[in-house]
PDB file of N, CA and C in Angstrom:
ATOM      1  N   MET A   1     -10.071  -4.690 -13.443  1.00  0.00           N
ATOM      2  CA  MET A   1      -9.112  -4.144 -12.508  1.00  0.00           C
ATOM      3  C   MET A   1      -8.313  -3.060 -13.232  1.00  0.00           C
ATOM      4  N   LYS A   2      -8.074  -1.988 -12.540  1.00  0.00           N
ATOM      5  CA  LYS A   2      -7.248  -0.892 -13.040  1.00  0.00           C
ATOM      6  C   LYS A   2      -5.870  -1.022 -12.397  1.00  0.00           C
ATOM      7  N   THR A   3      -4.810  -1.114 -13.218  1.00  0.00           N
ATOM      8  CA  THR A   3      -3.458  -1.264 -12.697  1.00  0.00           C
ATOM      9  C   THR A   3      -2.610  -0.066 -13.091  1.00  0.00           C
ATOM     10  N   VAL A   4      -1.877   0.464 -12.125  1.00  0.00           N
ATOM     11  CA  VAL A   4      -0.916   1.535 -12.361  1.00  0.00           C
ATOM     12  C   VAL A   4       0.451   0.981 -11.993  1.00  0.00           C
ATOM     13  N   THR A   5       1.413   1.094 -12.920  1.00  0.00           N
ATOM     14  CA  THR A   5       2.781   0.650 -12.651  1.00  0.00           C
ATOM     15  C   THR A   5       3.617   1.870 -12.314  1.00  0.00           C
ATOM     16  N   TYR A   6       4.271   1.834 -11.147  1.00  0.00           N
ATOM     17  CA  TYR A   6       5.108   2.951 -10.697  1.00  0.00           C
ATOM     18  C   TYR A   6       6.518   2.781 -11.235  1.00  0.00           C
ATOM     19  N   VAL A   7       6.962   3.740 -12.052  1.00  0.00           N
ATOM     20  CA  VAL A   7       8.322   3.784 -12.586  1.00  0.00           C
ATOM     21  C   VAL A   7       8.779   5.229 -12.497  1.00  0.00           C
ATOM     22  N   ASN A   8       9.881   5.459 -11.800  1.00  0.00           N
ATOM     23  CA  ASN A   8      10.357   6.835 -11.612  1.00  0.00           C
ATOM     24  C   ASN A   8      11.863   6.832 -11.362  1.00  0.00           C
ATOM     25  N   PRO A   9      12.664   6.468 -12.368  1.00  0.00           N
ATOM     26  CA  PRO A   9      14.106   6.341 -12.149  1.00  0.00           C
ATOM     27  C   PRO A   9      14.786   7.681 -11.873  1.00  0.00           C
ATOM     28  N   GLY A  10      15.706   7.662 -10.914  1.00  0.00           N
ATOM     29  CA  GLY A  10      16.528   8.834 -10.644  1.00  0.00           C
ATOM     30  C   GLY A  10      15.854   9.964  -9.894  1.00  0.00           C
ATOM     31  N   TYR A  11      14.632   9.759  -9.414  1.00  0.00           N
ATOM     32  CA  TYR A  11      13.913  10.830  -8.728  1.00  0.00           C
ATOM     33  C   TYR A  11      13.098  10.210  -7.606  1.00  0.00           C
ATOM     34  N   ASN A  12      13.141  10.817  -6.423  1.00  0.00           N
ATOM     35  CA  ASN A  12      12.396  10.306  -5.278  1.00  0.00           C
ATOM     36  C   ASN A  12      11.503  11.405  -4.731  1.00  0.00           C
ATOM     37  N   PRO A  13      10.328  11.564  -5.302  1.00  0.00           N
ATOM     38  CA  PRO A  13       9.434  12.619  -4.828  1.00  0.00           C
ATOM     39  C   PRO A  13       8.838  12.268  -3.467  1.00  0.00           C
ATOM     40  N   LEU A  14       8.474  13.282  -2.706  1.00  0.00           N
ATOM     41  CA  LEU A  14       7.732  13.068  -1.469  1.00  0.00           C
ATOM     42  C   LEU A  14       6.268  13.340  -1.778  1.00  0.00           C
ATOM     43  N   ILE A  15       5.470  12.307  -1.695  1.00  0.00           N
ATOM     44  CA  ILE A  15       4.031  12.421  -1.916  1.00  0.00           C
ATOM     45  C   ILE A  15       3.383  12.540  -0.549  1.00  0.00           C
ATOM     46  N   LYS A  16       2.588  13.573  -0.348  1.00  0.00           N
ATOM     47  CA  LYS A  16       1.976  13.769   0.957  1.00  0.00           C
ATOM     48  C   LYS A  16       0.936  12.689   1.249  1.00  0.00           C
ATOM     49  N   TYR A  17      -0.007  12.488   0.347  1.00  0.00           N
ATOM     50  CA  TYR A  17      -1.051  11.479   0.521  1.00  0.00           C
ATOM     51  C   TYR A  17      -1.145  10.635  -0.736  1.00  0.00           C
ATOM     52  N   LEU A  18      -1.020   9.321  -0.590  1.00  0.00           N
ATOM     53  CA  LEU A  18      -1.198   8.396  -1.699  1.00  0.00           C
ATOM     54  C   LEU A  18      -2.412   7.537  -1.386  1.00  0.00           C
ATOM     55  N   TYR A  19      -3.457   7.711  -2.169  1.00  0.00           N
ATOM     56  CA  TYR A  19      -4.695   6.961  -1.974  1.00  0.00           C
ATOM     57  C   TYR A  19      -4.861   5.971  -3.116  1.00  0.00           C
ATOM     58  N   VAL A  20      -5.033   4.702  -2.782  1.00  0.00           N
ATOM     59  CA  VAL A  20      -5.321   3.672  -3.771  1.00  0.00           C
ATOM     60  C   VAL A  20      -6.750   3.233  -3.479  1.00  0.00           C
ATOM     61  N   ASN A  21      -7.694   3.935  -4.098  1.00  0.00           N
ATOM     62  CA  ASN A  21      -9.116   3.719  -3.834  1.00  0.00           C
ATOM     63  C   ASN A  21      -9.889   3.857  -5.127  1.00  0.00           C
ATOM     64  N   SER A  22     -10.735   2.883  -5.436  1.00  0.00           N
ATOM     65  CA  SER A  22     -11.517   2.976  -6.665  1.00  0.00           C
ATOM     66  C   SER A  22     -12.758   3.825  -6.456  1.00  0.00           C
ATOM     67  N   ASN A  23     -13.408   3.670  -5.312  1.00  0.00           N
ATOM     68  CA  ASN A  23     -14.652   4.379  -5.043  1.00  0.00           C
ATOM     69  C   ASN A  23     -15.591   4.281  -6.236  1.00  0.00           C
ATOM     70  N   ALA A  24     -15.547   3.119  -6.892  1.00  0.00           N
ATOM     71  CA  ALA A  24     -16.303   2.934  -8.130  1.00  0.00           C
ATOM     72  C   ALA A  24     -17.588   2.161  -7.870  1.00  0.00           C
ATOM     73  N   THR A  25     -18.584   2.469  -8.648  1.00  0.00           N
ATOM     74  CA  THR A  25     -19.850   1.752  -8.539  1.00  0.00           C
ATOM     75  C   THR A  25     -19.851   0.494  -9.397  1.00  0.00           C
ATOM     76  N   ASP A  26     -18.834   0.342 -10.276  1.00  0.00           N
ATOM     77  CA  ASP A  26     -18.785  -0.831 -11.144  1.00  0.00           C
ATOM     78  C   ASP A  26     -18.031  -1.997 -10.518  1.00  0.00           C
ATOM     79  N   GLY A  27     -17.533  -1.837  -9.285  1.00  0.00           N
ATOM     80  CA  GLY A  27     -16.846  -2.905  -8.591  1.00  0.00           C
ATOM     81  C   GLY A  27     -15.419  -3.150  -9.060  1.00  0.00           C
ATOM     82  N   VAL A  28     -14.899  -2.304  -9.929  1.00  0.00           N
ATOM     83  CA  VAL A  28     -13.539  -2.468 -10.437  1.00  0.00           C
ATOM     84  C   VAL A  28     -12.545  -2.022  -9.382  1.00  0.00           C
ATOM     85  N   ALA A  29     -11.596  -2.876  -9.079  1.00  0.00           N
ATOM     86  CA  ALA A  29     -10.593  -2.570  -8.067  1.00  0.00           C
ATOM     87  C   ALA A  29      -9.408  -1.833  -8.687  1.00  0.00           C
ATOM     88  N   SER A  30      -8.639  -1.163  -7.832  1.00  0.00           N
ATOM     89  CA  SER A  30      -7.416  -0.486  -8.245  1.00  0.00           C
ATOM     90  C   SER A  30      -6.221  -1.262  -7.715  1.00  0.00           C
ATOM     91  N   HIS A  31      -5.131  -1.186  -8.454  1.00  0.00           N
ATOM     92  CA  HIS A  31      -3.941  -1.956  -8.121  1.00  0.00           C
ATOM     93  C   HIS A  31      -2.722  -1.140  -8.520  1.00  0.00           C
ATOM     94  N   ILE A  32      -1.767  -0.969  -7.591  1.00  0.00           N
ATOM     95  CA  ILE A  32      -0.496  -0.320  -7.918  1.00  0.00           C
ATOM     96  C   ILE A  32       0.581  -1.388  -7.881  1.00  0.00           C
ATOM     97  N   TYR A  33       1.459  -1.353  -8.869  1.00  0.00           N
ATOM     98  CA  TYR A  33       2.541  -2.317  -8.990  1.00  0.00           C
ATOM     99  C   TYR A  33       3.863  -1.561  -9.005  1.00  0.00           C
ATOM    100  N   GLN A  34       4.781  -1.909  -8.089  1.00  0.00           N
ATOM    101  CA  GLN A  34       6.099  -1.281  -8.023  1.00  0.00           C
ATOM    102  C   GLN A  34       7.163  -2.372  -8.110  1.00  0.00           C
ATOM    103  N   ALA A  35       8.055  -2.259  -9.119  1.00  0.00           N
ATOM    104  CA  ALA A  35       9.115  -3.248  -9.296  1.00  0.00           C
ATOM    105  C   ALA A  35      10.499  -2.623  -9.208  1.00  0.00           C
ATOM    106  N   GLN A  36      10.561  -1.292  -9.089  1.00  0.00           N
ATOM    107  CA  GLN A  36      11.854  -0.609  -9.085  1.00  0.00           C
ATOM    108  C   GLN A  36      11.691   0.787  -8.507  1.00  0.00           C
ATOM    109  N   ASP A  37      12.800   1.477  -8.350  1.00  0.00           N
ATOM    110  CA  ASP A  37      12.850   2.880  -7.974  1.00  0.00           C
ATOM    111  C   ASP A  37      12.393   3.132  -6.536  1.00  0.00           C
ATOM    112  N   LYS A  38      12.390   4.402  -6.155  1.00  0.00           N
ATOM    113  CA  LYS A  38      12.034   4.808  -4.792  1.00  0.00           C
ATOM    114  C   LYS A  38      10.706   5.555  -4.804  1.00  0.00           C
ATOM    115  N   LEU A  39       9.903   5.282  -3.791  1.00  0.00           N
ATOM    116  CA  LEU A  39       8.626   5.969  -3.608  1.00  0.00           C
ATOM    117  C   LEU A  39       8.523   6.317  -2.132  1.00  0.00           C
ATOM    118  N   THR A  40       8.347   7.608  -1.832  1.00  0.00           N
ATOM    119  CA  THR A  40       8.216   8.062  -0.453  1.00  0.00           C
ATOM    120  C   THR A  40       6.908   8.826  -0.314  1.00  0.00           C
ATOM    121  N   ALA A  41       6.126   8.465   0.696  1.00  0.00           N
ATOM    122  CA  ALA A  41       4.853   9.144   0.951  1.00  0.00           C
ATOM    123  C   ALA A  41       4.689   9.339   2.449  1.00  0.00           C
ATOM    124  N   THR A  42       4.022  10.428   2.816  1.00  0.00           N
ATOM    125  CA  THR A  42       3.736  10.670   4.225  1.00  0.00           C
ATOM    126  C   THR A  42       2.681   9.699   4.727  1.00  0.00           C
ATOM    127  N   ASN A  43       1.574   9.574   4.005  1.00  0.00           N
ATOM    128  CA  ASN A  43       0.497   8.658   4.373  1.00  0.00           C
ATOM    129  C   ASN A  43       0.021   7.911   3.135  1.00  0.00           C
ATOM    130  N   VAL A  44      -0.259   6.612   3.311  1.00  0.00           N
ATOM    131  CA  VAL A  44      -0.752   5.774   2.213  1.00  0.00           C
ATOM    132  C   VAL A  44      -2.010   5.067   2.689  1.00  0.00           C
ATOM    133  N   GLN A  45      -3.047   5.128   1.865  1.00  0.00           N
ATOM    134  CA  GLN A  45      -4.317   4.482   2.191  1.00  0.00           C
ATOM    135  C   GLN A  45      -4.671   3.542   1.041  1.00  0.00           C
ATOM    136  N   ILE A  46      -4.783   2.268   1.347  1.00  0.00           N
ATOM    137  CA  ILE A  46      -5.105   1.263   0.343  1.00  0.00           C
ATOM    138  C   ILE A  46      -6.440   0.631   0.710  1.00  0.00           C
ATOM    139  N   GLY A  47      -7.447   0.909  -0.094  1.00  0.00           N
ATOM    140  CA  GLY A  47      -8.757   0.312   0.124  1.00  0.00           C
ATOM    141  C   GLY A  47      -9.592   0.996   1.173  1.00  0.00           C
ATOM    142  N   ALA A  48      -9.951   2.242   0.937  1.00  0.00           N
ATOM    143  CA  ALA A  48     -10.850   2.928   1.868  1.00  0.00           C
ATOM    144  C   ALA A  48     -12.305   2.715   1.462  1.00  0.00           C
ATOM    145  N   ASP A  49     -12.548   2.672   0.167  1.00  0.00           N
ATOM    146  CA  ASP A  49     -13.928   2.610  -0.324  1.00  0.00           C
ATOM    147  C   ASP A  49     -14.240   1.354  -1.119  1.00  0.00           C
ATOM    148  N   GLY A  50     -13.274   0.491  -1.306  1.00  0.00           N
ATOM    149  CA  GLY A  50     -13.484  -0.713  -2.106  1.00  0.00           C
ATOM    150  C   GLY A  50     -12.397  -1.710  -1.826  1.00  0.00           C
ATOM    151  N   TRP A  51     -12.100  -2.544  -2.795  1.00  0.00           N
ATOM    152  CA  TRP A  51     -11.074  -3.564  -2.656  1.00  0.00           C
ATOM    153  C   TRP A  51      -9.887  -3.151  -3.499  1.00  0.00           C
ATOM    154  N   GLU A  52      -8.750  -2.861  -2.867  1.00  0.00           N
ATOM    155  CA  GLU A  52      -7.582  -2.316  -3.558  1.00  0.00           C
ATOM    156  C   GLU A  52      -6.324  -3.058  -3.139  1.00  0.00           C
ATOM    157  N   ALA A  53      -5.246  -2.908  -3.936  1.00  0.00           N
ATOM    158  CA  ALA A  53      -4.009  -3.625  -3.641  1.00  0.00           C
ATOM    159  C   ALA A  53      -2.789  -2.812  -4.053  1.00  0.00           C
ATOM    160  N   PHE A  54      -1.701  -3.030  -3.328  1.00  0.00           N
ATOM    161  CA  PHE A  54      -0.384  -2.486  -3.666  1.00  0.00           C
ATOM    162  C   PHE A  54       0.555  -3.682  -3.687  1.00  0.00           C
ATOM    163  N   GLU A  55       1.135  -3.951  -4.839  1.00  0.00           N
ATOM    164  CA  GLU A  55       2.055  -5.072  -4.989  1.00  0.00           C
ATOM    165  C   GLU A  55       3.452  -4.527  -5.253  1.00  0.00           C
ATOM    166  N   GLN A  56       4.401  -4.899  -4.402  1.00  0.00           N
ATOM    167  CA  GLN A  56       5.773  -4.415  -4.528  1.00  0.00           C
ATOM    168  C   GLN A  56       6.717  -5.601  -4.638  1.00  0.00           C
ATOM    169  N   VAL A  57       7.424  -5.689  -5.770  1.00  0.00           N
ATOM    170  CA  VAL A  57       8.367  -6.788  -5.980  1.00  0.00           C
ATOM    171  C   VAL A  57       9.804  -6.290  -6.108  1.00  0.00           C
ATOM    172  N   GLY A  58       9.984  -4.974  -6.026  1.00  0.00           N
ATOM    173  CA  GLY A  58      11.315  -4.385  -6.105  1.00  0.00           C
ATOM    174  C   GLY A  58      11.256  -2.932  -5.710  1.00  0.00           C
ATOM    175  N   GLY A  59      12.408  -2.302  -5.619  1.00  0.00           N
ATOM    176  CA  GLY A  59      12.459  -0.893  -5.260  1.00  0.00           C
ATOM    177  C   GLY A  59      12.270  -0.671  -3.777  1.00  0.00           C
ATOM    178  N   GLU A  60      12.198   0.613  -3.409  1.00  0.00           N
ATOM    179  CA  GLU A  60      12.028   1.012  -2.016  1.00  0.00           C
ATOM    180  C   GLU A  60      10.759   1.833  -1.865  1.00  0.00           C
ATOM    181  N   HIS A  61       9.963   1.483  -0.863  1.00  0.00           N
ATOM    182  CA  HIS A  61       8.747   2.247  -0.545  1.00  0.00           C
ATOM    183  C   HIS A  61       8.833   2.644   0.925  1.00  0.00           C
ATOM    184  N   THR A  62       8.872   3.942   1.171  1.00  0.00           N
ATOM    185  CA  THR A  62       8.942   4.463   2.533  1.00  0.00           C
ATOM    186  C   THR A  62       7.669   5.242   2.824  1.00  0.00           C
ATOM    187  N   VAL A  63       6.982   4.873   3.900  1.00  0.00           N
ATOM    188  CA  VAL A  63       5.809   5.600   4.380  1.00  0.00           C
ATOM    189  C   VAL A  63       6.233   6.228   5.703  1.00  0.00           C
ATOM    190  N   THR A  64       6.454   7.540   5.702  1.00  0.00           N
ATOM    191  CA  THR A  64       6.978   8.200   6.897  1.00  0.00           C
ATOM    192  C   THR A  64       5.932   8.322   7.994  1.00  0.00           C
ATOM    193  N   GLY A  65       4.674   8.305   7.628  1.00  0.00           N
ATOM    194  CA  GLY A  65       3.579   8.409   8.596  1.00  0.00           C
ATOM    195  C   GLY A  65       2.840   7.096   8.733  1.00  0.00           C
ATOM    196  N   ASN A  66       1.640   7.026   8.173  1.00  0.00           N
ATOM    197  CA  ASN A  66       0.749   5.891   8.381  1.00  0.00           C
ATOM    198  C   ASN A  66       0.405   5.172   7.087  1.00  0.00           C
ATOM    199  N   LEU A  67       0.389   3.837   7.160  1.00  0.00           N
ATOM    200  CA  LEU A  67      -0.104   2.978   6.090  1.00  0.00           C
ATOM    201  C   LEU A  67      -1.416   2.382   6.574  1.00  0.00           C
ATOM    202  N   TYR A  68      -2.504   2.642   5.831  1.00  0.00           N
ATOM    203  CA  TYR A  68      -3.836   2.137   6.184  1.00  0.00           C
ATOM    204  C   TYR A  68      -4.271   1.106   5.145  1.00  0.00           C
ATOM    205  N   LEU A  69      -4.775  -0.036   5.612  1.00  0.00           N
ATOM    206  CA  LEU A  69      -5.304  -1.071   4.726  1.00  0.00           C
ATOM    207  C   LEU A  69      -6.758  -1.328   5.078  1.00  0.00           C
ATOM    208  N   GLY A  70      -7.657  -1.216   4.092  1.00  0.00           N
ATOM    209  CA  GLY A  70      -9.070  -1.484   4.340  1.00  0.00           C
ATOM    210  C   GLY A  70      -9.632  -0.609   5.429  1.00  0.00           C
ATOM    211  N   HIS A  71      -9.554   0.691   5.229  1.00  0.00           N
ATOM    212  CA  HIS A  71      -9.818   1.653   6.295  1.00  0.00           C
ATOM    213  C   HIS A  71     -11.288   1.774   6.706  1.00  0.00           C
ATOM    214  N   LEU A  72     -12.214   1.750   5.770  1.00  0.00           N
ATOM    215  CA  LEU A  72     -13.625   1.953   6.100  1.00  0.00           C
ATOM    216  C   LEU A  72     -14.407   0.644   6.080  1.00  0.00           C
ATOM    217  N   SER A  73     -15.541   0.636   6.724  1.00  0.00           N
ATOM    218  CA  SER A  73     -16.409  -0.531   6.772  1.00  0.00           C
ATOM    219  C   SER A  73     -16.738  -1.004   5.359  1.00  0.00           C
ATOM    220  N   GLY A  74     -16.620  -2.310   5.135  1.00  0.00           N
ATOM    221  CA  GLY A  74     -16.938  -2.876   3.838  1.00  0.00           C
ATOM    222  C   GLY A  74     -15.814  -2.795   2.822  1.00  0.00           C
ATOM    223  N   SER A  75     -14.668  -2.253   3.207  1.00  0.00           N
ATOM    224  CA  SER A  75     -13.549  -2.124   2.278  1.00  0.00           C
ATOM    225  C   SER A  75     -12.491  -3.186   2.572  1.00  0.00           C
ATOM    226  N   GLY A  76     -11.543  -3.329   1.660  1.00  0.00           N
ATOM    227  CA  GLY A  76     -10.458  -4.279   1.862  1.00  0.00           C
ATOM    228  C   GLY A  76      -9.190  -3.765   1.213  1.00  0.00           C
ATOM    229  N   GLY A  77      -8.055  -4.112   1.775  1.00  0.00           N
ATOM    230  CA  GLY A  77      -6.788  -3.681   1.212  1.00  0.00           C
ATOM    231  C   GLY A  77      -5.718  -4.737   1.401  1.00  0.00           C
ATOM    232  N   VAL A  78      -4.826  -4.850   0.413  1.00  0.00           N
ATOM    233  CA  VAL A  78      -3.730  -5.815   0.462  1.00  0.00           C
ATOM    234  C   VAL A  78      -2.439  -5.088   0.132  1.00  0.00           C
ATOM    235  N   TYR A  79      -1.413  -5.331   0.922  1.00  0.00           N
ATOM    236  CA  TYR A  79      -0.057  -4.887   0.585  1.00  0.00           C
ATOM    237  C   TYR A  79       0.758  -6.157   0.449  1.00  0.00           C
ATOM    238  N   GLU A  80       1.231  -6.418  -0.754  1.00  0.00           N
ATOM    239  CA  GLU A  80       2.020  -7.616  -0.991  1.00  0.00           C
ATOM    240  C   GLU A  80       3.455  -7.215  -1.300  1.00  0.00           C
ATOM    241  N   LEU A  81       4.381  -7.693  -0.477  1.00  0.00           N
ATOM    242  CA  LEU A  81       5.803  -7.397  -0.602  1.00  0.00           C
ATOM    243  C   LEU A  81       6.513  -8.700  -0.941  1.00  0.00           C
ATOM    244  N   ALA A  82       7.202  -8.727  -2.072  1.00  0.00           N
ATOM    245  CA  ALA A  82       7.841  -9.957  -2.510  1.00  0.00           C
ATOM    246  C   ALA A  82       9.158  -9.667  -3.214  1.00  0.00           C
ATOM    247  N   LEU A  83       9.922 -10.713  -3.426  1.00  0.00           N
ATOM    248  CA  LEU A  83      11.196 -10.676  -4.146  1.00  0.00           C
ATOM    249  C   LEU A  83      12.163  -9.674  -3.537  1.00  0.00           C
ATOM    250  N   ASN A  84      12.470  -8.580  -4.230  1.00  0.00           N
ATOM    251  CA  ASN A  84      13.506  -7.648  -3.789  1.00  0.00           C
ATOM    252  C   ASN A  84      12.965  -6.311  -3.298  1.00  0.00           C
ATOM    253  N   GLY A  85      11.701  -6.251  -2.897  1.00  0.00           N
ATOM    254  CA  GLY A  85      11.125  -5.005  -2.415  1.00  0.00           C
ATOM    255  C   GLY A  85      11.530  -4.689  -0.987  1.00  0.00           C
ATOM    256  N   ASN A  86      11.691  -3.401  -0.688  1.00  0.00           N
ATOM    257  CA  ASN A  86      11.958  -2.919   0.675  1.00  0.00           C
ATOM    258  C   ASN A  86      10.834  -1.976   1.088  1.00  0.00           C
ATOM    259  N   LEU A  87      10.292  -2.180   2.279  1.00  0.00           N
ATOM    260  CA  LEU A  87       9.194  -1.365   2.787  1.00  0.00           C
ATOM    261  C   LEU A  87       9.511  -0.908   4.199  1.00  0.00           C
ATOM    262  N   SER A  88       9.245   0.366   4.493  1.00  0.00           N
ATOM    263  CA  SER A  88       9.305   0.852   5.873  1.00  0.00           C
ATOM    264  C   SER A  88       8.111   1.760   6.109  1.00  0.00           C
ATOM    265  N   THR A  89       7.543   1.678   7.312  1.00  0.00           N
ATOM    266  CA  THR A  89       6.387   2.514   7.653  1.00  0.00           C
ATOM    267  C   THR A  89       6.562   3.086   9.052  1.00  0.00           C
ATOM    268  N   GLY A  90       5.912   4.227   9.300  1.00  0.00           N
ATOM    269  CA  GLY A  90       5.831   4.743  10.657  1.00  0.00           C
ATOM    270  C   GLY A  90       4.886   3.876  11.470  1.00  0.00           C
ATOM    271  N   ASN A  91       3.651   3.747  11.010  1.00  0.00           N
ATOM    272  CA  ASN A  91       2.625   2.913  11.636  1.00  0.00           C
ATOM    273  C   ASN A  91       1.847   2.215  10.540  1.00  0.00           C
ATOM    274  N   THR A  92       1.391   0.996  10.828  1.00  0.00           N
ATOM    275  CA  THR A  92       0.562   0.255   9.889  1.00  0.00           C
ATOM    276  C   THR A  92      -0.747  -0.088  10.579  1.00  0.00           C
ATOM    277  N   TYR A  93      -1.863   0.277   9.946  1.00  0.00           N
ATOM    278  CA  TYR A  93      -3.191   0.042  10.508  1.00  0.00           C
ATOM    279  C   TYR A  93      -3.977  -0.864   9.567  1.00  0.00           C
ATOM    280  N   VAL A  94      -4.627  -1.858  10.124  1.00  0.00           N
ATOM    281  CA  VAL A  94      -5.490  -2.735   9.354  1.00  0.00           C
ATOM    282  C   VAL A  94      -6.902  -2.552   9.879  1.00  0.00           C
ATOM    283  N   GLY A  95      -7.819  -2.228   8.989  1.00  0.00           N
ATOM    284  CA  GLY A  95      -9.184  -1.962   9.410  1.00  0.00           C
ATOM    285  C   GLY A  95      -9.305  -0.551   9.947  1.00  0.00           C
ATOM    286  N   ASN A  96     -10.336  -0.298  10.686  1.00  0.00           N
ATOM    287  CA  ASN A  96     -10.639   1.042  11.177  1.00  0.00           C
ATOM    288  C   ASN A  96      -9.912   1.307  12.489  1.00  0.00           C
ATOM    289  N   GLY A  97      -8.621   1.637  12.388  1.00  0.00           N
ATOM    290  CA  GLY A  97      -7.886   2.075  13.562  1.00  0.00           C
ATOM    291  C   GLY A  97      -7.135   1.018  14.338  1.00  0.00           C
ATOM    292  N   GLU A  98      -7.080  -0.220  13.854  1.00  0.00           N
ATOM    293  CA  GLU A  98      -6.356  -1.273  14.566  1.00  0.00           C
ATOM    294  C   GLU A  98      -4.892  -1.248  14.137  1.00  0.00           C
ATOM    295  N   ARG A  99      -4.024  -0.719  15.009  1.00  0.00           N
ATOM    296  CA  ARG A  99      -2.601  -0.614  14.686  1.00  0.00           C
ATOM    297  C   ARG A  99      -1.958  -1.976  14.873  1.00  0.00           C
ATOM    298  N   ILE A 100      -1.287  -2.458  13.823  1.00  0.00           N
ATOM    299  CA  ILE A 100      -0.672  -3.777  13.948  1.00  0.00           C
ATOM    300  C   ILE A 100       0.840  -3.729  14.068  1.00  0.00           C
ATOM    301  N   ALA A 101       1.470  -2.702  13.501  1.00  0.00           N
ATOM    302  CA  ALA A 101       2.931  -2.749  13.507  1.00  0.00           C
ATOM    303  C   ALA A 101       3.538  -1.444  13.044  1.00  0.00           C
ATOM    304  N   SER A 102       4.783  -1.251  13.406  1.00  0.00           N
ATOM    305  CA  SER A 102       5.657  -0.284  12.759  1.00  0.00           C
ATOM    306  C   SER A 102       6.693  -1.107  12.028  1.00  0.00           C
ATOM    307  N   LEU A 103       6.946  -0.794  10.791  1.00  0.00           N
ATOM    308  CA  LEU A 103       7.921  -1.538  10.016  1.00  0.00           C
ATOM    309  C   LEU A 103       9.151  -0.661   9.821  1.00  0.00           C
ATOM    310  N   PRO A 104      10.193  -0.856  10.643  1.00  0.00           N
ATOM    311  CA  PRO A 104      11.387  -0.031  10.516  1.00  0.00           C
ATOM    312  C   PRO A 104      12.128  -0.380   9.238  1.00  0.00           C
ATOM    313  N   PRO A 105      12.880   0.547   8.704  1.00  0.00           N
ATOM    314  CA  PRO A 105      13.542   0.284   7.435  1.00  0.00           C
ATOM    315  C   PRO A 105      14.702  -0.683   7.596  1.00  0.00           C
ATOM    316  N   PRO A 106      14.955  -1.470   6.582  1.00  0.00           N
ATOM    317  CA  PRO A 106      13.981  -1.879   5.580  1.00  0.00           C
ATOM    318  C   PRO A 106      13.401  -3.233   5.957  1.00  0.00           C
ATOM    319  N   VAL A 107      12.165  -3.469   5.600  1.00  0.00           N
ATOM    320  CA  VAL A 107      11.583  -4.800   5.708  1.00  0.00           C
ATOM    321  C   VAL A 107      11.796  -5.444   4.347  1.00  0.00           C
ATOM    322  N   THR A 108      12.447  -6.561   4.348  1.00  0.00           N
ATOM    323  CA  THR A 108      12.644  -7.303   3.108  1.00  0.00           C
ATOM    324  C   THR A 108      12.103  -8.700   3.335  1.00  0.00           C
ATOM    325  N   ALA A 109      11.627  -9.302   2.293  1.00  0.00           N
ATOM    326  CA  ALA A 109      11.040 -10.623   2.472  1.00  0.00           C
ATOM    327  C   ALA A 109      10.961 -11.344   1.152  1.00  0.00           C
ATOM    328  N   SER A 110      10.946 -12.656   1.231  1.00  0.00           N
ATOM    329  CA  SER A 110      10.650 -13.407   0.030  1.00  0.00           C
ATOM    330  C   SER A 110       9.173 -13.224  -0.297  1.00  0.00           C
ATOM    331  N   LYS A 111       8.342 -13.089   0.738  1.00  0.00           N
ATOM    332  CA  LYS A 111       6.934 -12.758   0.512  1.00  0.00           C
ATOM    333  C   LYS A 111       6.268 -12.394   1.835  1.00  0.00           C
ATOM    334  N   VAL A 112       5.730 -11.197   1.914  1.00  0.00           N
ATOM    335  CA  VAL A 112       4.964 -10.734   3.067  1.00  0.00           C
ATOM    336  C   VAL A 112       3.633 -10.245   2.532  1.00  0.00           C
ATOM    337  N   ARG A 113       2.553 -10.647   3.183  1.00  0.00           N
ATOM    338  CA  ARG A 113       1.245 -10.187   2.744  1.00  0.00           C
ATOM    339  C   ARG A 113       0.476  -9.690   3.966  1.00  0.00           C
ATOM    340  N   ILE A 114       0.063  -8.429   3.898  1.00  0.00           N
ATOM    341  CA  ILE A 114      -0.764  -7.843   4.950  1.00  0.00           C
ATOM    342  C   ILE A 114      -2.113  -7.579   4.312  1.00  0.00           C
ATOM    343  N   ARG A 115      -3.170  -8.064   4.943  1.00  0.00           N
ATOM    344  CA  ARG A 115      -4.469  -8.001   4.275  1.00  0.00           C
ATOM    345  C   ARG A 115      -5.588  -7.765   5.281  1.00  0.00           C
ATOM    346  N   ARG A 116      -6.541  -6.982   4.848  1.00  0.00           N
ATOM    347  CA  ARG A 116      -7.811  -6.884   5.565  1.00  0.00           C
ATOM    348  C   ARG A 116      -8.893  -7.185   4.549  1.00  0.00           C
ATOM    349  N   ALA A 117      -9.615  -8.223   4.742  1.00  0.00           N
ATOM    350  CA  ALA A 117     -10.669  -8.616   3.821  1.00  0.00           C
ATOM    351  C   ALA A 117     -11.881  -7.725   4.008  1.00  0.00           C
ATOM    352  N   ALA A 118     -12.583  -7.481   2.929  1.00  0.00           N
ATOM    353  CA  ALA A 118     -13.826  -6.719   2.992  1.00  0.00           C
ATOM    354  C   ALA A 118     -14.839  -7.487   3.827  1.00  0.00           C
ATOM    355  N   SER A 119     -15.520  -6.788   4.696  1.00  0.00           N
ATOM    356  CA  SER A 119     -16.529  -7.423   5.542  1.00  0.00           C
ATOM    357  C   SER A 119     -17.583  -6.403   5.912  1.00  0.00           C
ATOM    358  N   GLU A 120     -18.568  -6.844   6.617  1.00  0.00           N
ATOM    359  CA  GLU A 120     -19.669  -6.012   7.113  1.00  0.00           C
ATOM    360  C   GLU A 120     -20.615  -5.619   6.008  1.00  0.00           C
TER     361      GLU A 120
END
């Protein structure tokens, strides 16, 4: 598994597209871990071509547009929100176009897990 830890104190960049996708032939998944700071993106895609995850235990994550989990056939994506993390999204889609929710700011939880398992 490839893990990237997001740390960006004192700065809140606007990322247009954030893709968490391995697209690897070795089956290695990608994982982003956020425990602090602010992250803002227009669109976030987790698991378009493989099995990917975003784990947030702190900080603020704002998706002004769309959050996609497990977007393409055979892919899977997990967004795990726990402890002191705050998440807001414009729209949240699980699978290929199935809109499940809008998460107005802020969603806080002791533990929230949104998942689309790989299938097909």
